[in-house]
Amino acid sequence: MHTLPIPLLPSIDRSWTLFLDRDGVINHEISGSYVHHWNDFVFYDGSLEAFRIFAEKFNRIIVVTNQRGVGKGLTKLEDLHSIHANMETSIRSSGGRIDAVYYCSDMEDDSPFRKPQPGMGLEACRQFPDIDPARSIMVGNSISDMGFGRNLGCYNVFLTTTCKIVPLEEANIDAFFPSLIAFAQTL
């Protein structure tokens, strides 16, 4: 059986920021659809424990998520806010935290806020001036997440939660892991 090399992560300290995608990273993605309501939201096994570890390791923890379902009118904005509020409450109750959640409901692929464009990350940098993109890690499960991280200037971690074949030729991937908790446990 062919095994992939264990990735080398940068040496981090409490000055670092962690950017995370949501669907397919923190919670199960719904194939061909969207997470419309809190009762559709299912944390991956180990995600809550991962956030407890992240809270100890990172200065800032930021979620950046494309939410085209809102732009299409399939997910109500108030439901999206409810999902994020409940997600943050669950994470806090488990000893973790999220400092901010940014979402892009824009329909246009070239929107400056829609990943892979770095708009949500730049907005986080404006809100939290202590964020240094060069001292940040982006964790995602898609090539657009990796593009976002590279465009912002982050170290990129690709999770194989929804894409079991790691696109090793993708220059924007610096490291890969099978899950959020697997990544957290290496820190």
N, C-alpha and C. Protein backbone atom coordinates (compact mmCIF):
# COMPACT_ATOMS: atom_id res chain seq x y z
N MET A 1 0.84 -1.17 0.00
CA MET A 1 0.00 0.00 0.00
C MET A 1 0.88 1.24 0.00
N HIS A 2 0.57 2.20 -0.85
CA HIS A 2 1.33 3.45 -0.96
C HIS A 2 0.86 4.41 0.12
N THR A 3 1.78 4.93 0.89
CA THR A 3 1.44 5.93 1.90
C THR A 3 2.09 7.25 1.52
N LEU A 4 1.41 8.31 1.88
CA LEU A 4 1.90 9.64 1.59
C LEU A 4 2.78 10.12 2.73
N PRO A 5 3.76 10.96 2.46
CA PRO A 5 4.66 11.44 3.52
C PRO A 5 3.91 12.28 4.54
N ILE A 6 4.39 12.25 5.78
CA ILE A 6 3.82 13.09 6.82
C ILE A 6 4.27 14.52 6.55
N PRO A 7 3.32 15.45 6.44
CA PRO A 7 3.70 16.83 6.10
C PRO A 7 4.41 17.53 7.25
N LEU A 8 5.28 18.44 6.88
CA LEU A 8 5.96 19.27 7.86
C LEU A 8 5.16 20.56 8.02
N LEU A 9 4.82 20.87 9.25
CA LEU A 9 4.07 22.08 9.53
C LEU A 9 5.03 23.16 10.01
N PRO A 10 4.66 24.42 9.81
CA PRO A 10 5.51 25.48 10.34
C PRO A 10 5.49 25.45 11.87
N SER A 11 6.51 25.98 12.46
CA SER A 11 6.56 26.08 13.91
C SER A 11 5.70 27.27 14.32
N ILE A 12 4.59 26.99 15.01
CA ILE A 12 3.67 28.07 15.37
C ILE A 12 3.78 28.41 16.84
N ASP A 13 3.35 29.62 17.16
CA ASP A 13 3.22 30.05 18.54
C ASP A 13 1.90 30.80 18.66
N ARG A 14 1.64 31.37 19.81
CA ARG A 14 0.35 32.02 20.07
C ARG A 14 0.11 33.28 19.24
N SER A 15 1.07 33.69 18.43
CA SER A 15 0.85 34.86 17.57
C SER A 15 0.18 34.47 16.26
N TRP A 16 0.03 33.18 15.97
CA TRP A 16 -0.49 32.72 14.70
C TRP A 16 -2.02 32.77 14.66
N THR A 17 -2.55 32.84 13.43
CA THR A 17 -3.99 32.83 13.18
C THR A 17 -4.34 31.57 12.40
N LEU A 18 -5.50 31.02 12.70
CA LEU A 18 -6.02 29.86 11.99
C LEU A 18 -7.28 30.28 11.25
N PHE A 19 -7.27 30.14 9.92
CA PHE A 19 -8.45 30.33 9.09
C PHE A 19 -8.99 28.95 8.75
N LEU A 20 -10.31 28.81 8.80
CA LEU A 20 -10.95 27.53 8.49
C LEU A 20 -12.15 27.73 7.58
N ASP A 21 -12.28 26.84 6.62
CA ASP A 21 -13.53 26.72 5.88
C ASP A 21 -14.53 26.05 6.82
N ARG A 22 -15.82 26.06 6.47
CA ARG A 22 -16.83 25.44 7.33
C ARG A 22 -17.24 24.06 6.81
N ASP A 23 -18.08 24.04 5.77
CA ASP A 23 -18.64 22.77 5.28
C ASP A 23 -17.55 21.89 4.69
N GLY A 24 -17.48 20.64 5.16
CA GLY A 24 -16.46 19.72 4.71
C GLY A 24 -15.18 19.80 5.52
N VAL A 25 -15.12 20.74 6.47
CA VAL A 25 -13.96 20.90 7.34
C VAL A 25 -14.39 20.74 8.80
N ILE A 26 -15.31 21.59 9.25
CA ILE A 26 -15.83 21.54 10.62
C ILE A 26 -17.00 20.56 10.70
N ASN A 27 -17.85 20.62 9.71
CA ASN A 27 -19.07 19.81 9.68
C ASN A 27 -19.18 19.08 8.35
N HIS A 28 -20.04 18.08 8.34
CA HIS A 28 -20.28 17.31 7.12
C HIS A 28 -20.93 18.20 6.06
N GLU A 29 -20.40 18.12 4.87
CA GLU A 29 -20.96 18.80 3.72
C GLU A 29 -22.15 17.98 3.23
N ILE A 30 -23.18 18.63 2.70
CA ILE A 30 -24.31 17.91 2.12
C ILE A 30 -24.10 17.89 0.61
N SER A 31 -23.81 16.71 0.09
CA SER A 31 -23.49 16.57 -1.34
C SER A 31 -24.66 17.04 -2.20
N GLY A 32 -24.38 17.95 -3.11
CA GLY A 32 -25.38 18.44 -4.05
C GLY A 32 -26.38 19.41 -3.44
N SER A 33 -26.17 19.82 -2.20
CA SER A 33 -27.10 20.73 -1.54
C SER A 33 -26.32 21.61 -0.56
N TYR A 34 -27.02 22.20 0.38
CA TYR A 34 -26.44 23.11 1.35
C TYR A 34 -26.94 22.76 2.74
N VAL A 35 -26.21 23.21 3.74
CA VAL A 35 -26.68 23.14 5.12
C VAL A 35 -27.61 24.34 5.30
N HIS A 36 -28.92 24.08 5.32
CA HIS A 36 -29.91 25.16 5.37
C HIS A 36 -30.31 25.56 6.78
N HIS A 37 -30.28 24.61 7.71
CA HIS A 37 -30.76 24.83 9.08
C HIS A 37 -29.80 24.19 10.06
N TRP A 38 -29.90 24.61 11.32
CA TRP A 38 -29.04 24.05 12.35
C TRP A 38 -29.20 22.54 12.44
N ASN A 39 -30.41 22.01 12.25
CA ASN A 39 -30.59 20.55 12.34
C ASN A 39 -29.96 19.81 11.16
N ASP A 40 -29.49 20.53 10.14
CA ASP A 40 -28.73 19.92 9.04
C ASP A 40 -27.23 19.88 9.34
N PHE A 41 -26.82 20.61 10.36
CA PHE A 41 -25.40 20.80 10.68
C PHE A 41 -24.94 19.65 11.57
N VAL A 42 -23.95 18.87 11.09
CA VAL A 42 -23.42 17.75 11.86
C VAL A 42 -21.90 17.90 11.93
N PHE A 43 -21.39 18.12 13.16
CA PHE A 43 -19.95 18.22 13.34
C PHE A 43 -19.28 16.91 12.93
N TYR A 44 -18.11 17.00 12.32
CA TYR A 44 -17.28 15.82 12.12
C TYR A 44 -16.83 15.30 13.48
N ASP A 45 -16.67 13.99 13.59
CA ASP A 45 -16.10 13.42 14.80
C ASP A 45 -14.76 14.08 15.07
N GLY A 46 -14.56 14.52 16.29
CA GLY A 46 -13.29 15.13 16.68
C GLY A 46 -13.21 16.63 16.45
N SER A 47 -14.16 17.22 15.74
CA SER A 47 -14.08 18.67 15.46
C SER A 47 -14.11 19.51 16.72
N LEU A 48 -14.98 19.16 17.65
CA LEU A 48 -15.07 19.95 18.88
C LEU A 48 -13.78 19.85 19.69
N GLU A 49 -13.20 18.65 19.74
CA GLU A 49 -11.91 18.48 20.42
C GLU A 49 -10.82 19.28 19.70
N ALA A 50 -10.87 19.31 18.37
CA ALA A 50 -9.89 20.08 17.59
C ALA A 50 -9.94 21.56 17.98
N PHE A 51 -11.13 22.10 18.15
CA PHE A 51 -11.25 23.51 18.52
C PHE A 51 -10.70 23.79 19.91
N ARG A 52 -10.80 22.83 20.81
CA ARG A 52 -10.20 22.99 22.14
C ARG A 52 -8.68 23.12 21.99
N ILE A 53 -8.10 22.28 21.14
CA ILE A 53 -6.65 22.33 20.88
C ILE A 53 -6.28 23.66 20.21
N PHE A 54 -7.07 24.06 19.20
CA PHE A 54 -6.79 25.31 18.49
C PHE A 54 -6.82 26.52 19.43
N ALA A 55 -7.77 26.51 20.39
CA ALA A 55 -7.89 27.64 21.32
C ALA A 55 -6.63 27.81 22.15
N GLU A 56 -5.93 26.72 22.41
CA GLU A 56 -4.68 26.78 23.17
C GLU A 56 -3.50 27.21 22.30
N LYS A 57 -3.57 26.95 21.00
CA LYS A 57 -2.41 27.13 20.12
C LYS A 57 -2.41 28.44 19.33
N PHE A 58 -3.61 28.96 18.99
CA PHE A 58 -3.71 30.10 18.06
C PHE A 58 -4.24 31.34 18.76
N ASN A 59 -3.73 32.49 18.33
CA ASN A 59 -4.21 33.78 18.82
C ASN A 59 -5.62 34.07 18.28
N ARG A 60 -5.82 33.84 17.01
CA ARG A 60 -7.11 34.09 16.36
C ARG A 60 -7.57 32.84 15.63
N ILE A 61 -8.87 32.59 15.68
CA ILE A 61 -9.49 31.49 14.93
C ILE A 61 -10.65 32.09 14.16
N ILE A 62 -10.53 32.03 12.83
CA ILE A 62 -11.47 32.70 11.93
C ILE A 62 -12.07 31.69 10.96
N VAL A 63 -13.39 31.68 10.83
CA VAL A 63 -14.07 30.84 9.84
C VAL A 63 -14.39 31.70 8.63
N VAL A 64 -14.04 31.21 7.43
CA VAL A 64 -14.33 31.89 6.16
C VAL A 64 -15.07 30.89 5.28
N THR A 65 -16.30 31.22 4.91
CA THR A 65 -17.13 30.24 4.22
C THR A 65 -17.93 30.87 3.08
N ASN A 66 -17.84 30.25 1.91
CA ASN A 66 -18.70 30.63 0.79
C ASN A 66 -20.08 30.05 1.08
N GLN A 67 -21.11 30.87 0.95
CA GLN A 67 -22.49 30.43 1.21
C GLN A 67 -23.40 30.86 0.07
N ARG A 68 -23.16 30.26 -1.08
CA ARG A 68 -23.93 30.59 -2.28
C ARG A 68 -25.42 30.26 -2.11
N GLY A 69 -25.74 29.29 -1.23
CA GLY A 69 -27.14 28.95 -0.99
C GLY A 69 -27.97 30.13 -0.52
N VAL A 70 -27.34 31.06 0.21
CA VAL A 70 -28.03 32.28 0.64
C VAL A 70 -28.28 33.16 -0.58
N GLY A 71 -27.27 33.32 -1.41
CA GLY A 71 -27.41 34.13 -2.62
C GLY A 71 -28.46 33.59 -3.57
N LYS A 72 -28.61 32.27 -3.61
CA LYS A 72 -29.61 31.63 -4.47
C LYS A 72 -31.01 31.67 -3.86
N GLY A 73 -31.12 32.10 -2.62
CA GLY A 73 -32.41 32.13 -1.95
C GLY A 73 -32.84 30.78 -1.39
N LEU A 74 -31.91 29.84 -1.33
CA LEU A 74 -32.23 28.50 -0.82
C LEU A 74 -32.06 28.41 0.69
N THR A 75 -31.17 29.23 1.23
CA THR A 75 -30.93 29.29 2.67
C THR A 75 -31.26 30.70 3.12
N LYS A 76 -32.10 30.82 4.14
CA LYS A 76 -32.45 32.14 4.66
C LYS A 76 -31.28 32.68 5.48
N LEU A 77 -31.06 33.99 5.37
CA LEU A 77 -29.97 34.63 6.08
C LEU A 77 -30.11 34.42 7.60
N GLU A 78 -31.32 34.50 8.11
CA GLU A 78 -31.50 34.29 9.56
C GLU A 78 -31.15 32.86 9.96
N ASP A 79 -31.38 31.89 9.06
CA ASP A 79 -30.98 30.51 9.34
C ASP A 79 -29.46 30.37 9.34
N LEU A 80 -28.79 31.06 8.43
CA LEU A 80 -27.32 31.04 8.41
C LEU A 80 -26.77 31.60 9.72
N HIS A 81 -27.33 32.72 10.17
CA HIS A 81 -26.88 33.30 11.44
C HIS A 81 -27.15 32.36 12.61
N SER A 82 -28.26 31.67 12.58
CA SER A 82 -28.60 30.69 13.63
C SER A 82 -27.60 29.53 13.61
N ILE A 83 -27.26 29.04 12.43
CA ILE A 83 -26.27 27.96 12.29
C ILE A 83 -24.95 28.39 12.92
N HIS A 84 -24.50 29.59 12.57
CA HIS A 84 -23.21 30.06 13.08
C HIS A 84 -23.26 30.31 14.59
N ALA A 85 -24.35 30.86 15.09
CA ALA A 85 -24.47 31.08 16.54
C ALA A 85 -24.46 29.75 17.29
N ASN A 86 -25.19 28.77 16.81
CA ASN A 86 -25.22 27.46 17.46
C ASN A 86 -23.87 26.74 17.35
N MET A 87 -23.22 26.88 16.19
CA MET A 87 -21.89 26.29 16.01
C MET A 87 -20.92 26.88 17.03
N GLU A 88 -20.91 28.21 17.14
CA GLU A 88 -20.01 28.87 18.08
C GLU A 88 -20.31 28.49 19.52
N THR A 89 -21.59 28.38 19.89
CA THR A 89 -21.98 27.98 21.24
C THR A 89 -21.50 26.57 21.54
N SER A 90 -21.68 25.66 20.60
CA SER A 90 -21.23 24.27 20.80
C SER A 90 -19.72 24.21 20.97
N ILE A 91 -19.00 24.98 20.17
CA ILE A 91 -17.54 24.99 20.24
C ILE A 91 -17.08 25.58 21.58
N ARG A 92 -17.69 26.68 22.00
CA ARG A 92 -17.35 27.29 23.30
C ARG A 92 -17.64 26.32 24.45
N SER A 93 -18.77 25.62 24.38
CA SER A 93 -19.15 24.66 25.43
C SER A 93 -18.15 23.51 25.53
N SER A 94 -17.41 23.28 24.46
CA SER A 94 -16.41 22.20 24.44
C SER A 94 -15.01 22.70 24.74
N GLY A 95 -14.88 23.97 25.12
CA GLY A 95 -13.58 24.51 25.47
C GLY A 95 -12.83 25.17 24.33
N GLY A 96 -13.49 25.33 23.19
CA GLY A 96 -12.86 25.98 22.04
C GLY A 96 -13.41 27.39 21.85
N ARG A 97 -13.07 27.99 20.73
CA ARG A 97 -13.59 29.32 20.43
C ARG A 97 -13.45 29.59 18.94
N ILE A 98 -14.25 30.54 18.48
CA ILE A 98 -14.12 31.14 17.15
C ILE A 98 -14.16 32.64 17.39
N ASP A 99 -13.20 33.36 16.85
CA ASP A 99 -13.15 34.81 17.04
C ASP A 99 -14.07 35.55 16.08
N ALA A 100 -14.29 34.99 14.89
CA ALA A 100 -15.18 35.63 13.92
C ALA A 100 -15.53 34.63 12.83
N VAL A 101 -16.72 34.84 12.25
CA VAL A 101 -17.16 34.05 11.09
C VAL A 101 -17.46 35.05 9.98
N TYR A 102 -16.83 34.83 8.83
CA TYR A 102 -17.10 35.64 7.64
C TYR A 102 -17.71 34.71 6.60
N TYR A 103 -18.73 35.22 5.92
CA TYR A 103 -19.35 34.41 4.87
C TYR A 103 -19.54 35.28 3.63
N CYS A 104 -19.56 34.61 2.49
CA CYS A 104 -19.82 35.30 1.22
C CYS A 104 -21.00 34.61 0.56
N SER A 105 -22.07 35.35 0.38
CA SER A 105 -23.26 34.82 -0.29
C SER A 105 -23.34 35.26 -1.75
N ASP A 106 -22.30 35.96 -2.22
CA ASP A 106 -22.29 36.46 -3.60
C ASP A 106 -22.39 35.31 -4.59
N MET A 107 -23.08 35.54 -5.68
CA MET A 107 -23.25 34.54 -6.73
C MET A 107 -22.11 34.57 -7.73
N GLU A 108 -21.49 35.72 -7.92
CA GLU A 108 -20.47 35.89 -8.94
C GLU A 108 -19.15 35.27 -8.49
N ASP A 109 -18.56 34.43 -9.35
CA ASP A 109 -17.28 33.80 -9.03
C ASP A 109 -16.15 34.80 -8.85
N ASP A 110 -16.25 35.97 -9.49
CA ASP A 110 -15.18 36.96 -9.39
C ASP A 110 -15.40 37.97 -8.26
N SER A 111 -16.37 37.72 -7.39
CA SER A 111 -16.57 38.60 -6.24
C SER A 111 -15.28 38.63 -5.42
N PRO A 112 -14.86 39.82 -4.96
CA PRO A 112 -13.62 39.90 -4.18
C PRO A 112 -13.72 39.18 -2.83
N PHE A 113 -14.94 38.82 -2.42
CA PHE A 113 -15.11 38.14 -1.14
C PHE A 113 -15.32 36.64 -1.29
N ARG A 114 -15.55 36.17 -2.49
CA ARG A 114 -15.80 34.74 -2.72
C ARG A 114 -14.46 34.03 -2.91
N LYS A 115 -14.23 33.00 -2.09
CA LYS A 115 -12.99 32.22 -2.26
C LYS A 115 -12.96 31.66 -3.68
N PRO A 116 -11.83 31.73 -4.37
CA PRO A 116 -10.46 31.85 -3.86
C PRO A 116 -9.96 33.29 -3.66
N GLN A 117 -10.78 34.30 -3.95
CA GLN A 117 -10.35 35.68 -3.69
C GLN A 117 -10.18 35.87 -2.18
N PRO A 118 -9.28 36.74 -1.75
CA PRO A 118 -8.95 36.86 -0.32
C PRO A 118 -9.79 37.85 0.48
N GLY A 119 -10.89 38.36 -0.08
CA GLY A 119 -11.65 39.43 0.57
C GLY A 119 -12.06 39.17 2.01
N MET A 120 -12.54 37.96 2.31
CA MET A 120 -12.94 37.66 3.69
C MET A 120 -11.73 37.71 4.62
N GLY A 121 -10.60 37.24 4.15
CA GLY A 121 -9.38 37.29 4.95
C GLY A 121 -8.88 38.70 5.15
N LEU A 122 -8.96 39.52 4.10
CA LEU A 122 -8.55 40.92 4.22
C LEU A 122 -9.46 41.66 5.20
N GLU A 123 -10.75 41.33 5.18
CA GLU A 123 -11.68 41.93 6.14
C GLU A 123 -11.31 41.52 7.57
N ALA A 124 -10.94 40.27 7.76
CA ALA A 124 -10.50 39.80 9.09
C ALA A 124 -9.25 40.58 9.53
N CYS A 125 -8.33 40.81 8.62
CA CYS A 125 -7.11 41.56 8.94
C CYS A 125 -7.44 43.01 9.33
N ARG A 126 -8.46 43.58 8.70
CA ARG A 126 -8.89 44.94 9.07
C ARG A 126 -9.53 44.94 10.47
N GLN A 127 -10.36 43.92 10.74
CA GLN A 127 -11.04 43.85 12.03
C GLN A 127 -10.07 43.51 13.16
N PHE A 128 -9.09 42.66 12.86
CA PHE A 128 -8.11 42.22 13.86
C PHE A 128 -6.71 42.57 13.34
N PRO A 129 -6.20 43.78 13.60
CA PRO A 129 -4.91 44.20 13.05
C PRO A 129 -3.73 43.34 13.48
N ASP A 130 -3.90 42.50 14.50
CA ASP A 130 -2.81 41.63 14.93
C ASP A 130 -2.65 40.41 14.03
N ILE A 131 -3.55 40.19 13.08
CA ILE A 131 -3.41 39.06 12.15
C ILE A 131 -2.34 39.37 11.13
N ASP A 132 -1.40 38.45 10.99
CA ASP A 132 -0.35 38.52 9.97
C ASP A 132 -0.57 37.32 9.05
N PRO A 133 -0.99 37.53 7.81
CA PRO A 133 -1.22 36.40 6.91
C PRO A 133 -0.03 35.46 6.78
N ALA A 134 1.20 36.00 6.88
CA ALA A 134 2.39 35.15 6.78
C ALA A 134 2.55 34.26 8.02
N ARG A 135 1.82 34.56 9.06
CA ARG A 135 1.82 33.75 10.28
C ARG A 135 0.40 33.21 10.49
N SER A 136 -0.14 32.69 9.39
CA SER A 136 -1.50 32.15 9.41
C SER A 136 -1.54 30.83 8.65
N ILE A 137 -2.48 29.99 9.06
CA ILE A 137 -2.73 28.72 8.38
C ILE A 137 -4.17 28.72 7.91
N MET A 138 -4.38 28.31 6.66
CA MET A 138 -5.72 28.13 6.11
C MET A 138 -5.98 26.64 6.01
N VAL A 139 -7.11 26.17 6.57
CA VAL A 139 -7.50 24.77 6.49
C VAL A 139 -8.78 24.68 5.67
N GLY A 140 -8.74 23.89 4.60
CA GLY A 140 -9.92 23.73 3.75
C GLY A 140 -9.94 22.39 3.07
N ASN A 141 -11.03 22.15 2.36
CA ASN A 141 -11.22 20.87 1.68
C ASN A 141 -11.43 21.04 0.18
N SER A 142 -11.08 22.21 -0.35
CA SER A 142 -11.26 22.44 -1.78
C SER A 142 -10.10 23.25 -2.33
N ILE A 143 -9.95 23.18 -3.63
CA ILE A 143 -8.91 23.96 -4.31
C ILE A 143 -9.17 25.45 -4.14
N SER A 144 -10.45 25.87 -4.10
CA SER A 144 -10.72 27.30 -3.90
C SER A 144 -10.29 27.75 -2.50
N ASP A 145 -10.40 26.86 -1.50
CA ASP A 145 -9.89 27.19 -0.17
C ASP A 145 -8.38 27.40 -0.21
N MET A 146 -7.70 26.53 -0.95
CA MET A 146 -6.25 26.63 -1.06
C MET A 146 -5.85 27.89 -1.83
N GLY A 147 -6.63 28.25 -2.84
CA GLY A 147 -6.39 29.50 -3.56
C GLY A 147 -6.57 30.71 -2.67
N PHE A 148 -7.61 30.68 -1.84
CA PHE A 148 -7.84 31.75 -0.87
C PHE A 148 -6.61 31.91 0.04
N GLY A 149 -6.17 30.79 0.59
CA GLY A 149 -5.01 30.84 1.49
C GLY A 149 -3.78 31.39 0.81
N ARG A 150 -3.52 30.93 -0.41
CA ARG A 150 -2.33 31.40 -1.14
C ARG A 150 -2.48 32.88 -1.48
N ASN A 151 -3.67 33.30 -1.93
CA ASN A 151 -3.89 34.70 -2.27
C ASN A 151 -3.75 35.62 -1.06
N LEU A 152 -4.06 35.10 0.13
CA LEU A 152 -3.92 35.89 1.34
C LEU A 152 -2.48 35.84 1.87
N GLY A 153 -1.76 34.77 1.53
CA GLY A 153 -0.37 34.63 1.98
C GLY A 153 -0.19 33.64 3.12
N CYS A 154 -1.12 32.68 3.24
CA CYS A 154 -1.11 31.70 4.34
C CYS A 154 -0.40 30.41 3.95
N TYR A 155 -0.06 29.63 4.97
CA TYR A 155 0.34 28.24 4.81
C TYR A 155 -0.96 27.46 4.68
N ASN A 156 -1.05 26.53 3.70
CA ASN A 156 -2.31 25.85 3.40
C ASN A 156 -2.32 24.39 3.80
N VAL A 157 -3.38 24.00 4.51
CA VAL A 157 -3.61 22.61 4.90
C VAL A 157 -4.89 22.13 4.21
N PHE A 158 -4.76 21.07 3.43
CA PHE A 158 -5.88 20.48 2.69
C PHE A 158 -6.39 19.26 3.45
N LEU A 159 -7.70 19.24 3.73
CA LEU A 159 -8.32 18.07 4.37
C LEU A 159 -8.96 17.20 3.30
N THR A 160 -8.77 15.90 3.42
CA THR A 160 -9.31 14.96 2.43
C THR A 160 -10.69 14.44 2.83
N THR A 161 -11.42 15.21 3.60
CA THR A 161 -12.74 14.80 4.08
C THR A 161 -13.74 14.55 2.96
N THR A 162 -13.70 15.37 1.93
CA THR A 162 -14.65 15.23 0.82
C THR A 162 -13.97 14.89 -0.50
N CYS A 163 -12.66 14.87 -0.50
CA CYS A 163 -11.87 14.55 -1.69
C CYS A 163 -10.78 13.58 -1.25
N LYS A 164 -11.04 12.30 -1.40
CA LYS A 164 -10.14 11.27 -0.85
C LYS A 164 -8.81 11.18 -1.60
N ILE A 165 -8.76 11.70 -2.81
CA ILE A 165 -7.51 11.69 -3.58
C ILE A 165 -6.87 13.06 -3.44
N VAL A 166 -5.72 13.09 -2.81
CA VAL A 166 -5.02 14.36 -2.61
C VAL A 166 -4.41 14.80 -3.94
N PRO A 167 -4.79 15.98 -4.41
CA PRO A 167 -4.19 16.49 -5.65
C PRO A 167 -2.76 16.97 -5.38
N LEU A 168 -1.83 16.02 -5.33
CA LEU A 168 -0.45 16.33 -4.94
C LEU A 168 0.22 17.35 -5.86
N GLU A 169 -0.25 17.42 -7.11
CA GLU A 169 0.37 18.37 -8.04
C GLU A 169 -0.11 19.80 -7.80
N GLU A 170 -1.09 20.00 -6.95
CA GLU A 170 -1.63 21.33 -6.67
C GLU A 170 -0.62 22.13 -5.85
N ALA A 171 -0.08 23.16 -6.47
CA ALA A 171 0.99 23.96 -5.84
C ALA A 171 0.52 24.72 -4.61
N ASN A 172 -0.78 24.93 -4.47
CA ASN A 172 -1.28 25.70 -3.33
C ASN A 172 -1.45 24.87 -2.07
N ILE A 173 -1.23 23.57 -2.13
CA ILE A 173 -1.34 22.71 -0.95
C ILE A 173 0.04 22.54 -0.33
N ASP A 174 0.15 22.92 0.95
CA ASP A 174 1.41 22.77 1.66
C ASP A 174 1.43 21.50 2.50
N ALA A 175 0.27 21.08 2.99
CA ALA A 175 0.16 19.88 3.81
C ALA A 175 -1.26 19.33 3.67
N PHE A 176 -1.45 18.09 4.03
CA PHE A 176 -2.77 17.48 3.95
C PHE A 176 -2.98 16.55 5.13
N PHE A 177 -4.24 16.42 5.52
CA PHE A 177 -4.63 15.55 6.63
C PHE A 177 -6.00 14.96 6.32
N PRO A 178 -6.35 13.83 6.94
CA PRO A 178 -7.65 13.22 6.69
C PRO A 178 -8.80 13.90 7.43
N SER A 179 -8.50 14.70 8.46
CA SER A 179 -9.57 15.31 9.25
C SER A 179 -9.03 16.49 10.04
N LEU A 180 -9.95 17.28 10.56
CA LEU A 180 -9.57 18.43 11.37
C LEU A 180 -8.86 17.99 12.65
N ILE A 181 -9.35 16.92 13.27
CA ILE A 181 -8.73 16.46 14.51
C ILE A 181 -7.33 15.89 14.23
N ALA A 182 -7.14 15.23 13.10
CA ALA A 182 -5.81 14.72 12.77
C ALA A 182 -4.82 15.87 12.63
N PHE A 183 -5.24 16.97 12.01
CA PHE A 183 -4.40 18.16 11.91
C PHE A 183 -4.11 18.73 13.29
N ALA A 184 -5.16 18.90 14.10
CA ALA A 184 -5.02 19.50 15.43
C ALA A 184 -4.05 18.71 16.29
N GLN A 185 -4.10 17.40 16.21
CA GLN A 185 -3.27 16.56 17.05
C GLN A 185 -1.78 16.62 16.69
N THR A 186 -1.44 17.17 15.53
CA THR A 186 -0.03 17.30 15.15
C THR A 186 0.58 18.61 15.63
N LEU A 187 -0.24 19.52 16.11
CA LEU A 187 0.26 20.83 16.53
C LEU A 187 1.00 20.76 17.85
